Amino acid sequence: MKYIDSLREGMRISEVYLCKSKQIAVTKTGKEYGRLMLQDKTGMVDAKIWNLNSPGVGTFEAMDYVRVDGDVSVFMGANQLNVERIRRADEGEYLAENYLPVSEKNTEEMYKGLRTLIASIKNPYLKKLTDSYFVEDAAFIKAFKFHSAAKSVHHGFVGGLLEHTLGVARMCDYFAGAYPMLNRDLLLTAAVFHDIGKIRELSPFPENDYTDDGQLLGHIIIGTEMVGDRIRAIPGFPKRLAAELKHCILAHHGELEYGSPKKPAILEALALNFADNADAKMETMIEALRGGGNNMGWLGYNRLLETNIRRTTEE
């Protein structure tokens, strides 16, 4: 099988991929064409069907496994598949496990690292709160390990939510050591909880798409509600501490235009925003560079990073 991360310009392929999305678009000249997003466990690739009336274009829908024949080109620094023939794949032509993008890191090792950080929290109320989800709730733990952190922007793979959360928590642990004014227990707790709302914002794989609650509320509000529900079940949980923790979650995107209902008003919220943004931006660029294959030249303008990017010179 030619996995998506192995595709190179000029290749001609005949493979089965998961069709994540399917849209009919219109060119500048008014001609309709098909715009697809195809996926396997190594990533996703943009695909175009320029001739929708071709006899080689069969009937299929989003979330179908499809047999694709076409050529690989490069557009705006990223691979693009120009489809000549496509049809719904038959059972027996594919193995489902080949089409789920998975973290390159070991899930159990990552979770062990997160649990180690959680175990270091000393405040009894915050410790009880974190344990209620990450130690005692088997259904939550299973979902958390399997879930992605995004539909497509960064960490959009199985284990992505865990990988991102651990990265943010470790960065916050560093901040707490570098800036003694930070309340380490509050910051670490906010870090491990900051994105738990994504479990309900996004559906599980293979769909990995926005749920109704995700569209209507978003993960920041959902996560704040999830934390608030558990806080109310802990007798005597300090009201000010609860408000500060929820504020960190509500403000972790930093700016109102980025979806945060509040801007950071306490030091821990500011640190969490920096850690979340740094881990997300680093992964976004890493994934973009991987998408460029072995291309050592400029990959073109990246709309997520708002700049032209390339790999670092290896000399």
Protein backbone atom coordinates (compact mmCIF):
# COMPACT_ATOMS: atom_id res chain seq x y z
CA MET A 1 0.00 0.00 0.00
CA LYS A 2 1.22 3.50 -0.82
CA TYR A 3 0.55 5.44 2.37
CA ILE A 4 -0.20 9.14 2.08
CA ASP A 5 3.03 10.21 3.77
CA SER A 6 4.99 8.38 1.05
CA LEU A 7 3.30 10.16 -1.88
CA ARG A 8 5.63 12.23 -4.03
CA GLU A 9 5.11 14.52 -7.01
CA GLY A 10 4.81 12.59 -10.26
CA MET A 11 3.64 9.32 -8.70
CA ARG A 12 0.73 7.45 -10.28
CA ILE A 13 -1.30 5.60 -7.68
CA SER A 14 -4.11 3.08 -7.45
CA GLU A 15 -5.03 2.71 -3.79
CA VAL A 16 -7.88 2.59 -1.30
CA TYR A 17 -8.27 5.56 1.05
CA LEU A 18 -10.94 6.78 3.46
CA CYS A 19 -12.88 9.69 1.99
CA LYS A 20 -13.12 12.10 4.93
CA SER A 21 -15.00 14.80 3.06
CA LYS A 22 -16.61 15.35 -0.33
CA GLN A 23 -17.71 18.68 -1.80
CA ILE A 24 -18.73 19.99 -5.21
CA ALA A 25 -16.92 23.24 -5.98
CA VAL A 26 -16.81 25.58 -8.98
CA THR A 27 -13.74 26.80 -10.89
CA LYS A 28 -13.26 30.43 -11.91
CA THR A 29 -14.63 29.51 -15.32
CA GLY A 30 -17.82 28.10 -13.81
CA LYS A 31 -17.03 24.39 -14.21
CA GLU A 32 -17.95 22.06 -11.35
CA TYR A 33 -15.32 19.78 -9.85
CA GLY A 34 -15.06 17.44 -6.88
CA ARG A 35 -13.00 18.41 -3.86
CA LEU A 36 -12.11 15.54 -1.54
CA MET A 37 -10.04 14.95 1.55
CA LEU A 38 -8.58 11.44 1.63
CA GLN A 39 -7.07 9.83 4.70
CA ASP A 40 -5.05 6.86 5.88
CA LYS A 41 -3.21 6.28 9.15
CA THR A 42 -0.27 8.44 8.04
CA GLY A 43 -2.25 11.57 7.27
CA MET A 44 -4.54 13.29 4.77
CA VAL A 45 -4.21 14.54 1.22
CA ASP A 46 -6.32 16.97 -0.80
CA ALA A 47 -7.80 15.38 -3.94
CA LYS A 48 -9.55 16.89 -6.96
CA ILE A 49 -11.89 15.28 -9.50
CA TRP A 50 -11.65 17.66 -12.44
CA ASN A 51 -14.02 15.70 -14.70
CA LEU A 52 -17.13 14.73 -12.74
CA ASN A 53 -18.79 13.33 -15.85
CA SER A 54 -16.06 10.81 -16.55
CA PRO A 55 -17.31 7.20 -16.73
CA GLY A 56 -14.54 6.35 -14.27
CA VAL A 57 -16.17 8.41 -11.51
CA GLY A 58 -18.50 6.16 -9.56
CA THR A 59 -20.98 6.78 -6.76
CA PHE A 60 -19.58 7.28 -3.25
CA GLU A 61 -20.07 9.49 -0.19
CA ALA A 62 -18.00 11.00 2.58
CA MET A 63 -16.79 8.36 5.09
CA ASP A 64 -16.74 5.68 2.38
CA TYR A 65 -13.58 3.75 1.61
CA VAL A 66 -12.78 4.54 -2.04
CA ARG A 67 -10.55 3.00 -4.69
CA VAL A 68 -8.67 5.89 -6.33
CA ASP A 69 -6.59 6.05 -9.51
CA GLY A 70 -4.74 9.28 -10.14
CA ASP A 71 -1.55 11.32 -10.23
CA VAL A 72 0.24 13.18 -7.45
CA SER A 73 1.12 16.83 -8.00
CA VAL A 74 2.18 19.66 -5.70
CA PHE A 75 0.04 22.76 -5.19
CA MET A 76 0.88 25.57 -2.76
CA GLY A 77 3.65 23.46 -1.26
CA ALA A 78 1.45 20.45 -0.44
CA ASN A 79 0.68 17.21 -2.23
CA GLN A 80 -2.53 17.05 -4.25
CA LEU A 81 -4.07 14.00 -5.88
CA ASN A 82 -5.62 14.52 -9.31
CA VAL A 83 -8.25 11.78 -9.57
CA GLU A 84 -8.98 10.05 -12.87
CA ARG A 85 -11.01 7.11 -11.58
CA ILE A 86 -12.78 6.60 -8.25
CA ARG A 87 -15.37 4.21 -6.84
CA ARG A 88 -16.60 2.89 -3.51
CA ALA A 89 -14.23 0.14 -2.38
CA ASP A 90 -15.52 -3.38 -1.89
CA GLU A 91 -15.20 -5.26 1.39
CA GLY A 92 -11.95 -7.17 1.39
CA GLU A 93 -10.09 -4.40 -0.44
CA TYR A 94 -9.04 -2.67 2.77
CA LEU A 95 -8.26 -3.12 6.45
CA ALA A 96 -9.88 -0.43 8.63
CA GLU A 97 -6.85 -0.14 10.94
CA ASN A 98 -4.78 1.21 8.02
CA TYR A 99 -6.93 4.33 7.83
CA LEU A 100 -6.84 5.78 11.33
CA PRO A 101 -4.03 8.31 11.84
CA VAL A 102 -2.26 7.39 15.07
CA SER A 103 0.25 9.20 17.28
CA GLU A 104 3.84 8.13 16.70
CA LYS A 105 4.29 8.06 20.46
CA ASN A 106 3.30 5.18 22.75
CA THR A 107 -0.12 5.85 24.27
CA GLU A 108 0.51 4.03 27.53
CA GLU A 109 3.86 5.75 28.04
CA MET A 110 2.27 9.14 27.43
CA TYR A 111 -0.54 8.41 29.86
CA LYS A 112 1.98 7.25 32.45
CA GLY A 113 3.78 10.58 32.04
CA LEU A 114 0.53 12.50 32.50
CA ARG A 115 -0.38 10.46 35.57
CA THR A 116 3.05 11.23 37.07
CA LEU A 117 2.38 14.96 36.76
CA ILE A 118 -1.11 14.54 38.20
CA ALA A 119 0.29 12.59 41.16
CA SER A 120 2.55 15.55 41.99
CA ILE A 121 -0.43 17.86 42.63
CA LYS A 122 -0.54 18.57 46.37
CA ASN A 123 -3.73 20.58 46.84
CA PRO A 124 -6.26 18.01 48.14
CA TYR A 125 -9.22 19.49 46.26
CA LEU A 126 -7.41 19.72 42.93
CA LYS A 127 -5.96 16.24 43.46
CA LYS A 128 -9.41 14.79 44.11
CA LEU A 129 -10.77 16.55 41.05
CA THR A 130 -8.02 15.32 38.69
CA ASP A 131 -8.20 11.78 40.11
CA SER A 132 -11.96 11.69 39.59
CA TYR A 133 -11.37 11.83 35.83
CA PHE A 134 -7.85 10.60 35.13
CA VAL A 135 -7.59 7.80 37.74
CA GLU A 136 -11.11 6.64 38.64
CA ASP A 137 -13.22 7.15 35.49
CA ALA A 138 -12.44 4.18 33.22
CA ALA A 139 -14.81 5.28 30.42
CA PHE A 140 -13.30 8.78 30.35
CA ILE A 141 -9.74 7.42 30.36
CA LYS A 142 -10.47 5.12 27.42
CA ALA A 143 -12.04 7.94 25.40
CA PHE A 144 -9.28 10.40 26.33
CA LYS A 145 -6.52 8.05 25.15
CA PHE A 146 -8.25 7.40 21.81
CA HIS A 147 -9.41 10.93 20.97
CA SER A 148 -7.86 13.53 18.70
CA ALA A 149 -7.17 17.13 19.69
CA ALA A 150 -8.57 18.63 16.50
CA LYS A 151 -10.44 17.87 13.31
CA SER A 152 -7.47 18.83 11.14
CA VAL A 153 -5.39 21.74 12.47
CA HIS A 154 -3.00 19.99 14.90
CA HIS A 155 -2.85 16.63 16.70
CA GLY A 156 -5.75 15.40 14.56
CA PHE A 157 -5.00 11.72 15.15
CA VAL A 158 -5.73 8.88 17.56
CA GLY A 159 -3.92 9.77 20.78
CA GLY A 160 -3.63 13.40 19.71
CA LEU A 161 -5.58 14.78 22.67
CA LEU A 162 -3.35 12.89 25.09
CA GLU A 163 -0.16 13.92 23.27
CA HIS A 164 -1.17 17.59 23.21
CA THR A 165 -2.32 17.60 26.83
CA LEU A 166 0.93 16.02 28.00
CA GLY A 167 2.96 18.52 25.97
CA VAL A 168 1.06 21.46 27.48
CA ALA A 169 1.28 20.03 31.01
CA ARG A 170 5.04 19.51 30.74
CA MET A 171 5.51 23.05 29.48
CA CYS A 172 3.41 24.36 32.35
CA ASP A 173 5.50 22.33 34.78
CA TYR A 174 8.57 24.09 33.39
CA PHE A 175 6.89 27.50 33.72
CA ALA A 176 6.06 26.76 37.35
CA GLY A 177 9.73 26.11 38.09
CA ALA A 178 10.93 29.16 36.16
CA TYR A 179 8.38 31.58 37.60
CA PRO A 180 7.86 30.91 41.33
CA MET A 181 4.87 33.27 41.55
CA LEU A 182 2.81 30.70 39.62
CA ASN A 183 0.55 28.38 41.60
CA ARG A 184 1.90 25.08 40.26
CA ASP A 185 -1.04 22.96 41.43
CA LEU A 186 -3.58 25.26 39.80
CA LEU A 187 -1.57 25.54 36.57
CA LEU A 188 -1.02 21.79 36.21
CA THR A 189 -4.68 21.07 36.91
CA ALA A 190 -5.73 23.64 34.31
CA ALA A 191 -3.29 22.11 31.82
CA VAL A 192 -4.64 18.56 32.14
CA PHE A 193 -8.24 19.77 31.93
CA HIS A 194 -7.91 22.57 29.35
CA ASP A 195 -9.04 20.50 26.33
CA ILE A 196 -11.17 17.71 27.85
CA GLY A 197 -14.23 19.26 26.20
CA LYS A 198 -12.90 17.96 22.87
CA ILE A 199 -14.13 14.50 23.87
CA ARG A 200 -17.65 15.83 23.33
CA GLU A 201 -16.84 18.52 20.76
CA LEU A 202 -15.53 15.96 18.25
CA SER A 203 -16.95 12.55 17.39
CA PRO A 204 -14.66 9.50 17.71
CA PHE A 205 -12.69 8.15 14.77
CA PRO A 206 -13.13 7.44 11.94
CA GLU A 207 -15.51 10.43 11.71
CA ASN A 208 -13.52 12.83 13.94
CA ASP A 209 -15.96 15.62 13.07
CA TYR A 210 -17.87 18.25 15.04
CA THR A 211 -20.85 17.06 17.07
CA ASP A 212 -23.95 19.20 17.59
CA ASP A 213 -22.59 20.25 21.00
CA GLY A 214 -19.24 20.99 19.37
CA GLN A 215 -20.88 23.28 16.83
CA LEU A 216 -23.20 24.97 19.33
CA LEU A 217 -20.98 25.23 22.40
CA GLY A 218 -17.34 24.42 21.58
CA HIS A 219 -14.81 22.56 23.68
CA ILE A 220 -13.99 25.49 25.97
CA ILE A 221 -17.55 25.77 27.29
CA ILE A 222 -18.05 21.99 27.30
CA GLY A 223 -14.82 21.43 29.24
CA THR A 224 -15.66 24.13 31.76
CA GLU A 225 -19.04 22.47 32.37
CA MET A 226 -17.41 19.03 32.76
CA VAL A 227 -15.02 20.39 35.39
CA GLY A 228 -17.82 22.29 37.12
CA ASP A 229 -19.93 19.12 37.37
CA ARG A 230 -17.17 17.26 39.22
CA ILE A 231 -16.32 20.23 41.43
CA ARG A 232 -19.91 20.31 42.69
CA ALA A 233 -19.55 16.67 43.75
CA ILE A 234 -16.54 17.46 45.98
CA PRO A 235 -17.67 18.73 49.42
CA GLY A 236 -16.03 21.96 50.53
CA PHE A 237 -14.26 22.71 47.23
CA PRO A 238 -13.15 26.38 47.61
CA LYS A 239 -15.27 28.70 45.49
CA ARG A 240 -12.40 31.03 44.60
CA LEU A 241 -10.19 28.12 43.54
CA ALA A 242 -13.02 26.73 41.41
CA ALA A 243 -13.47 30.11 39.71
CA GLU A 244 -9.75 30.46 39.05
CA LEU A 245 -9.53 26.98 37.53
CA LYS A 246 -12.55 27.55 35.31
CA HIS A 247 -11.15 30.94 34.29
CA CYS A 248 -7.94 29.26 33.10
CA ILE A 249 -9.95 26.90 30.88
CA LEU A 250 -12.19 29.71 29.59
CA ALA A 251 -9.18 31.91 28.75
CA HIS A 252 -6.74 29.35 27.36
CA HIS A 253 -7.09 30.53 23.74
CA GLY A 254 -5.94 33.95 24.91
CA GLU A 255 -8.06 36.21 22.73
CA LEU A 256 -11.81 36.68 22.28
CA GLU A 257 -11.44 36.34 18.49
CA TYR A 258 -9.80 32.93 18.98
CA GLY A 259 -12.83 31.58 20.84
CA SER A 260 -12.00 32.35 24.46
CA PRO A 261 -14.95 33.84 26.35
CA LYS A 262 -12.43 35.59 28.62
CA LYS A 263 -8.90 36.93 28.22
CA PRO A 264 -6.31 35.75 30.78
CA ALA A 265 -6.73 37.72 34.00
CA ILE A 266 -4.46 35.68 36.31
CA LEU A 267 -0.87 34.54 35.85
CA GLU A 268 -1.77 30.86 35.56
CA ALA A 269 -4.24 31.55 32.75
CA LEU A 270 -1.56 33.49 30.87
CA ALA A 271 0.97 30.67 31.28
CA LEU A 272 -1.57 28.09 30.11
CA ASN A 273 -2.36 30.19 27.03
CA PHE A 274 1.34 30.40 26.12
CA ALA A 275 1.87 26.65 26.63
CA ASP A 276 -1.23 25.69 24.63
CA ASN A 277 -0.35 28.02 21.76
CA ALA A 278 3.28 26.91 21.66
CA ASP A 279 2.48 23.19 21.55
CA ALA A 280 -0.25 23.68 18.95
CA LYS A 281 1.89 25.88 16.68
CA MET A 282 4.91 23.57 16.90
CA GLU A 283 2.79 20.55 15.92
CA THR A 284 1.08 22.52 13.15
CA MET A 285 4.43 23.35 11.57
CA ILE A 286 5.80 19.83 12.06
CA GLU A 287 2.75 18.35 10.31
CA ALA A 288 3.06 20.90 7.47
CA LEU A 289 6.74 20.08 6.96
CA ARG A 290 5.97 16.35 6.93
CA GLY A 291 3.27 17.02 4.35
CA GLY A 292 5.96 18.49 2.10
CA GLY A 293 7.83 15.17 2.00
CA ASN A 294 11.52 15.50 1.11
CA ASN A 295 11.10 18.96 -0.40
CA MET A 296 13.90 21.13 1.00
CA GLY A 297 12.64 24.24 -0.78
CA TRP A 298 9.97 26.69 0.25
CA LEU A 299 6.59 24.99 0.67
CA GLY A 300 4.46 28.05 0.04
CA TYR A 301 2.18 30.14 2.24
CA ASN A 302 0.66 28.27 5.16
CA ARG A 303 -2.67 29.83 6.14
CA LEU A 304 -2.55 28.44 9.68
CA LEU A 305 0.91 29.85 10.41
CA GLU A 306 0.36 32.87 8.14
CA THR A 307 3.82 32.62 6.57
CA ASN A 308 5.84 30.84 3.90
CA ILE A 309 7.68 27.85 5.41
CA ARG A 310 10.51 25.43 4.65
CA ARG A 311 12.66 22.83 6.38
CA THR A 312 15.79 23.90 8.24
CA THR A 313 19.01 23.52 6.23
CA GLU A 314 20.69 20.24 7.22
CA GLU A 315 24.30 21.36 6.60
